[in-house]
Amino acid sequence: MRRLRTALLVLAATGALLTTAASTGSAGTATEESHHPKPTVVLVHGAFADASSWAETASRLQRQGYPVVVPANPLRGLTQDADYVAAVIKSIPGPVVLVGHSYGGAVISTAAASSPQVKALVYVAAFVPDTGEVLGELAGRFPGSELVPALKQLPHSTGVDLYIDPTKFRHVFTADLSPSTSALLAASQRPINATLFADAAPAAAWRTIPSWAVVAKQDRAISPDLERFEAKRANSKTVELDSSHVPMLSHPDEVTRVITTAARATAK
């Protein structure tokens, strides 16, 4: 796989992508509004990651003319994170395709429930909880995840954060990426609030919004069987990829294709 364009990296994904999305959306409004402009694709990253994890997918979507927004998921708690993403969505004119990776799947399921402009949900190797389900309990429902033993605690003045032991990061998270790319992602991972996996999902937008799902068959962070169960329960149109937990990096063409399929289907 091509190396992550070294610095599409954090700055490009968090700053430039937001700027490009805003300018693309405003330019398109004047010229395309009466011709069914493409929806804005909002890409929400998961735990132990940042917006740069979507760089490969975002660049492909932009080349196809889609406005793209890649917000920084706070990773402080499900309700708080979902409220933030919902605020981002509210700032976007027109329809939205909302995409979540990993823990980001739980965030988009909650955020979309209060965001009527969301026309499609796409889950990528993600948690897809039902209303009231606790993420930690959902994660343990099927065998196959090796995440919990790989976690380390980081106590600080306001609580405890969790991150993945860098020596175990590639095995659990990015097994089909190069050692150098995995080392970069391990070094730049963003920790999560330790209380996060005790949060219960307050909403399940997939019950009313059409959804698509990517199952990562070699995932060691979320059980592939859990991903299959969730996708079937949500009646998601599902694609399985021979991927680690980060198919948007190891299989960006396929993930982009799922997103654009969802965008076209909901524009009809």
Protein backbone atom coordinates (compact mmCIF):
# COMPACT_ATOMS: atom_id res chain seq x y z
CA MET A 1 0.00 0.00 0.00
CA ARG A 2 1.12 3.53 -0.68
CA ARG A 3 2.49 5.21 2.38
CA LEU A 4 0.20 7.72 3.98
CA ARG A 5 1.14 10.91 2.22
CA THR A 6 3.18 11.98 5.00
CA ALA A 7 1.51 14.82 5.90
CA LEU A 8 -1.93 14.74 4.35
CA LEU A 9 -1.40 13.89 7.76
CA VAL A 10 -2.93 15.61 10.65
CA LEU A 11 -2.84 19.16 9.29
CA ALA A 12 -4.21 18.36 5.86
CA ALA A 13 -7.06 16.25 7.13
CA THR A 14 -8.11 18.50 9.98
CA GLY A 15 -7.60 21.88 8.37
CA ALA A 16 -7.41 21.75 4.60
CA LEU A 17 -10.22 19.26 4.21
CA LEU A 18 -12.54 21.43 6.24
CA THR A 19 -11.57 24.48 4.19
CA THR A 20 -11.98 22.68 0.88
CA ALA A 21 -15.35 21.32 1.92
CA ALA A 22 -16.60 24.76 2.81
CA SER A 23 -15.40 26.34 -0.43
CA THR A 24 -16.68 23.46 -2.55
CA GLY A 25 -20.07 23.65 -0.90
CA SER A 26 -20.40 27.41 -1.36
CA ALA A 27 -19.22 27.33 -4.98
CA GLY A 28 -21.56 24.50 -5.81
CA THR A 29 -24.59 26.20 -4.28
CA ALA A 30 -24.70 28.93 -6.91
CA THR A 31 -24.12 26.72 -9.94
CA GLU A 32 -25.54 23.33 -9.06
CA GLU A 33 -28.35 23.82 -6.57
CA SER A 34 -31.03 23.27 -9.20
CA HIS A 35 -29.18 20.21 -10.53
CA HIS A 36 -29.17 18.03 -7.41
CA PRO A 37 -25.72 18.86 -6.02
CA LYS A 38 -23.81 16.07 -4.38
CA PRO A 39 -24.35 15.67 -0.64
CA THR A 40 -21.64 16.63 1.78
CA VAL A 41 -19.81 13.61 3.16
CA VAL A 42 -18.96 13.93 6.85
CA LEU A 43 -16.28 11.45 7.95
CA VAL A 44 -16.09 10.79 11.70
CA HIS A 45 -13.01 9.06 13.06
CA GLY A 46 -13.01 6.65 15.97
CA ALA A 47 -11.01 6.06 19.14
CA PHE A 48 -7.21 6.11 19.11
CA ALA A 49 -7.26 8.02 15.80
CA ASP A 50 -7.66 11.50 14.40
CA ALA A 51 -9.05 13.08 11.24
CA SER A 52 -5.97 12.09 9.22
CA SER A 53 -7.18 8.48 9.30
CA TRP A 54 -9.70 9.53 6.63
CA ALA A 55 -7.14 11.23 4.36
CA GLU A 56 -7.07 8.55 1.67
CA THR A 57 -10.85 8.31 1.47
CA ALA A 58 -11.42 12.06 1.69
CA SER A 59 -9.04 12.82 -1.17
CA ARG A 60 -10.80 10.28 -3.40
CA LEU A 61 -14.21 11.74 -2.60
CA GLN A 62 -13.00 15.26 -3.32
CA ARG A 63 -11.63 14.18 -6.69
CA GLN A 64 -15.14 12.93 -7.50
CA GLY A 65 -16.61 16.30 -6.64
CA TYR A 66 -18.02 15.57 -3.19
CA PRO A 67 -17.80 18.26 -0.50
CA VAL A 68 -16.05 16.64 2.46
CA VAL A 69 -15.87 17.57 6.13
CA VAL A 70 -13.64 15.64 8.54
CA PRO A 71 -14.31 16.92 12.07
CA ALA A 72 -12.16 16.19 15.08
CA ASN A 73 -14.14 13.76 17.24
CA PRO A 74 -13.52 14.92 20.85
CA LEU A 75 -13.38 11.32 22.26
CA ARG A 76 -14.63 12.54 25.63
CA GLY A 77 -17.97 10.71 25.92
CA LEU A 78 -20.69 9.45 23.60
CA THR A 79 -23.29 12.14 24.27
CA GLN A 80 -20.74 14.96 24.22
CA ASP A 81 -19.07 13.68 21.05
CA ALA A 82 -22.42 13.18 19.28
CA ASP A 83 -23.54 16.69 20.24
CA TYR A 84 -20.37 18.08 18.70
CA VAL A 85 -20.82 16.15 15.45
CA ALA A 86 -24.49 17.18 15.32
CA ALA A 87 -23.38 20.82 15.59
CA VAL A 88 -20.97 20.32 12.70
CA ILE A 89 -23.76 18.80 10.60
CA LYS A 90 -26.08 21.70 11.42
CA SER A 91 -23.50 24.11 10.01
CA ILE A 92 -23.56 22.39 6.61
CA PRO A 93 -26.14 23.43 4.00
CA GLY A 94 -27.97 20.64 2.25
CA PRO A 95 -28.04 16.85 2.59
CA VAL A 96 -25.33 14.88 4.38
CA VAL A 97 -23.96 11.35 4.12
CA LEU A 98 -22.60 10.58 7.59
CA VAL A 99 -19.78 8.05 7.90
CA GLY A 100 -18.31 6.62 11.10
CA HIS A 101 -15.31 4.41 11.75
CA SER A 102 -15.01 2.26 14.86
CA TYR A 103 -16.32 4.20 17.89
CA GLY A 104 -17.33 6.86 15.38
CA GLY A 105 -20.17 4.54 14.37
CA ALA A 106 -21.77 4.98 17.78
CA VAL A 107 -21.27 8.73 17.51
CA ILE A 108 -22.99 9.04 14.13
CA SER A 109 -25.89 6.82 15.24
CA THR A 110 -26.62 9.32 18.00
CA ALA A 111 -25.77 12.52 16.12
CA ALA A 112 -27.96 11.67 13.12
CA ALA A 113 -31.02 11.21 15.33
CA SER A 114 -31.17 14.98 15.79
CA SER A 115 -30.00 15.86 12.28
CA PRO A 116 -32.78 15.59 9.69
CA GLN A 117 -30.46 16.49 6.82
CA VAL A 118 -28.59 13.17 7.21
CA LYS A 119 -29.82 10.99 4.35
CA ALA A 120 -27.51 7.99 4.72
CA LEU A 121 -25.29 6.36 7.34
CA VAL A 122 -22.14 4.41 6.50
CA TYR A 123 -20.45 2.27 9.15
CA VAL A 124 -16.82 1.27 8.61
CA ALA A 125 -15.56 -1.47 10.97
CA ALA A 126 -17.78 0.23 13.50
CA PHE A 127 -19.88 0.03 16.61
CA VAL A 128 -23.56 0.28 15.70
CA PRO A 129 -25.37 0.23 19.07
CA ASP A 130 -29.09 0.14 19.62
CA THR A 131 -30.72 2.59 22.01
CA GLY A 132 -29.64 1.84 25.59
CA GLU A 133 -26.79 -0.53 24.70
CA VAL A 134 -23.52 0.02 26.57
CA LEU A 135 -20.52 0.05 24.27
CA GLY A 136 -18.29 -2.06 26.50
CA GLU A 137 -20.94 -4.73 26.83
CA LEU A 138 -21.64 -4.68 23.10
CA ALA A 139 -17.92 -5.07 22.40
CA GLY A 140 -17.77 -8.24 24.49
CA ARG A 141 -20.80 -9.88 22.94
CA PHE A 142 -18.73 -11.81 20.37
CA PRO A 143 -15.20 -13.25 20.62
CA GLY A 144 -12.39 -12.02 18.41
CA SER A 145 -11.41 -8.62 19.77
CA GLU A 146 -7.91 -8.29 21.24
CA LEU A 147 -8.27 -4.63 22.13
CA VAL A 148 -8.79 -4.69 25.90
CA PRO A 149 -5.51 -6.48 26.77
CA ALA A 150 -3.65 -4.00 24.58
CA LEU A 151 -4.91 -0.90 26.40
CA LYS A 152 -2.85 1.22 28.77
CA GLN A 153 -4.09 3.81 31.24
CA LEU A 154 -3.03 7.43 31.40
CA PRO A 155 -4.21 9.06 34.65
CA HIS A 156 -4.42 12.86 34.64
CA SER A 157 -5.88 15.67 36.71
CA THR A 158 -9.47 15.22 35.52
CA GLY A 159 -9.71 11.46 35.05
CA VAL A 160 -8.14 8.55 33.19
CA ASP A 161 -7.54 8.16 29.47
CA LEU A 162 -6.93 4.96 27.55
CA TYR A 163 -4.60 4.38 24.63
CA ILE A 164 -3.20 1.34 22.82
CA ASP A 165 0.24 0.12 23.82
CA PRO A 166 2.37 1.20 20.84
CA THR A 167 4.10 -2.20 20.81
CA LYS A 168 0.70 -3.85 20.21
CA PHE A 169 -0.83 -1.21 17.98
CA ARG A 170 -0.06 -2.79 14.62
CA HIS A 171 -1.22 -6.25 15.66
CA VAL A 172 -4.55 -5.01 17.01
CA PHE A 173 -5.30 -2.02 14.82
CA THR A 174 -3.33 -1.81 11.57
CA ALA A 175 -2.04 -5.29 10.73
CA ASP A 176 -2.32 -4.80 6.96
CA LEU A 177 -0.46 -1.48 6.91
CA SER A 178 3.31 -1.17 6.69
CA PRO A 179 5.34 -1.17 9.92
CA SER A 180 6.40 2.44 9.32
CA THR A 181 2.85 3.69 8.74
CA SER A 182 1.63 1.75 11.77
CA ALA A 183 4.39 3.24 13.91
CA LEU A 184 3.37 6.75 12.81
CA LEU A 185 -0.29 6.09 13.65
CA ALA A 186 0.65 4.55 17.01
CA ALA A 187 2.77 7.58 17.89
CA SER A 188 0.01 10.05 16.96
CA GLN A 189 -2.99 8.19 18.39
CA ARG A 190 -5.50 10.20 20.42
CA PRO A 191 -6.52 8.58 23.72
CA ILE A 192 -10.12 8.20 24.82
CA ASN A 193 -11.81 8.97 28.10
CA ALA A 194 -11.85 5.73 30.07
CA THR A 195 -15.53 6.20 30.90
CA LEU A 196 -16.49 6.17 27.24
CA PHE A 197 -17.12 2.44 26.94
CA ALA A 198 -19.49 2.60 29.91
CA ASP A 199 -21.74 5.01 28.02
CA ALA A 200 -25.15 3.82 26.88
CA ALA A 201 -26.28 4.85 23.42
CA PRO A 202 -29.08 7.43 23.69
CA ALA A 203 -30.35 6.91 20.13
CA ALA A 204 -30.11 4.60 17.11
CA ALA A 205 -30.60 6.61 13.93
CA TRP A 206 -30.08 3.51 11.78
CA ARG A 207 -33.64 2.50 12.66
CA THR A 208 -34.99 5.27 10.41
CA ILE A 209 -32.10 6.22 8.09
CA PRO A 210 -30.79 3.91 5.31
CA SER A 211 -27.40 2.47 6.14
CA TRP A 212 -24.39 0.77 4.58
CA ALA A 213 -21.69 -1.20 6.38
CA VAL A 214 -18.11 -2.30 5.77
CA VAL A 215 -17.12 -5.42 7.73
CA ALA A 216 -13.37 -5.85 8.26
CA LYS A 217 -12.81 -9.61 8.18
CA GLN A 218 -9.37 -9.47 9.85
CA ASP A 219 -10.34 -6.93 12.52
CA ARG A 220 -8.78 -7.52 15.95
CA ALA A 221 -10.14 -4.37 17.58
CA ILE A 222 -13.86 -5.04 17.00
CA SER A 223 -14.97 -8.61 16.39
CA PRO A 224 -15.91 -9.16 12.73
CA ASP A 225 -18.83 -11.26 13.99
CA LEU A 226 -20.09 -8.26 15.97
CA GLU A 227 -19.79 -6.09 12.85
CA ARG A 228 -21.83 -8.68 10.91
CA PHE A 229 -24.46 -8.89 13.64
CA GLU A 230 -24.84 -5.12 13.79
CA ALA A 231 -25.06 -4.77 10.02
CA LYS A 232 -27.73 -7.45 9.77
CA ARG A 233 -29.71 -5.93 12.64
CA ALA A 234 -29.59 -2.50 11.02
CA ASN A 235 -30.53 -3.96 7.64
CA SER A 236 -27.39 -2.33 6.25
CA LYS A 237 -26.20 -3.00 2.71
CA THR A 238 -22.96 -4.75 3.58
CA VAL A 239 -19.54 -5.23 1.98
CA GLU A 240 -16.89 -7.45 3.59
CA LEU A 241 -13.21 -6.64 3.05
CA ASP A 242 -10.15 -8.70 3.91
CA SER A 243 -8.91 -5.89 6.13
CA SER A 244 -7.62 -4.96 9.54
CA HIS A 245 -9.50 -2.42 11.67
CA VAL A 246 -8.62 0.41 9.25
CA PRO A 247 -10.10 -0.48 5.84
CA MET A 248 -10.31 3.21 4.91
CA LEU A 249 -6.49 3.19 4.89
CA SER A 250 -5.74 -0.29 3.57
CA HIS A 251 -8.69 -0.46 1.11
CA PRO A 252 -9.56 3.19 0.39
CA ASP A 253 -10.94 2.56 -3.10
CA GLU A 254 -13.44 0.00 -1.82
CA VAL A 255 -14.50 2.13 1.15
CA THR A 256 -14.91 5.16 -1.09
CA ARG A 257 -17.07 3.08 -3.42
CA VAL A 258 -19.41 2.14 -0.57
CA ILE A 259 -19.76 5.80 0.44
CA THR A 260 -20.48 7.00 -3.09
CA THR A 261 -22.98 4.16 -3.56
CA ALA A 262 -24.82 5.38 -0.45
CA ALA A 263 -24.67 8.97 -1.71
CA ARG A 264 -26.12 8.08 -5.11
CA ALA A 265 -28.81 5.84 -3.67
CA THR A 266 -30.14 8.49 -1.34
CA ALA A 267 -30.08 11.20 -4.02
CA LYS A 268 -32.68 9.39 -6.13
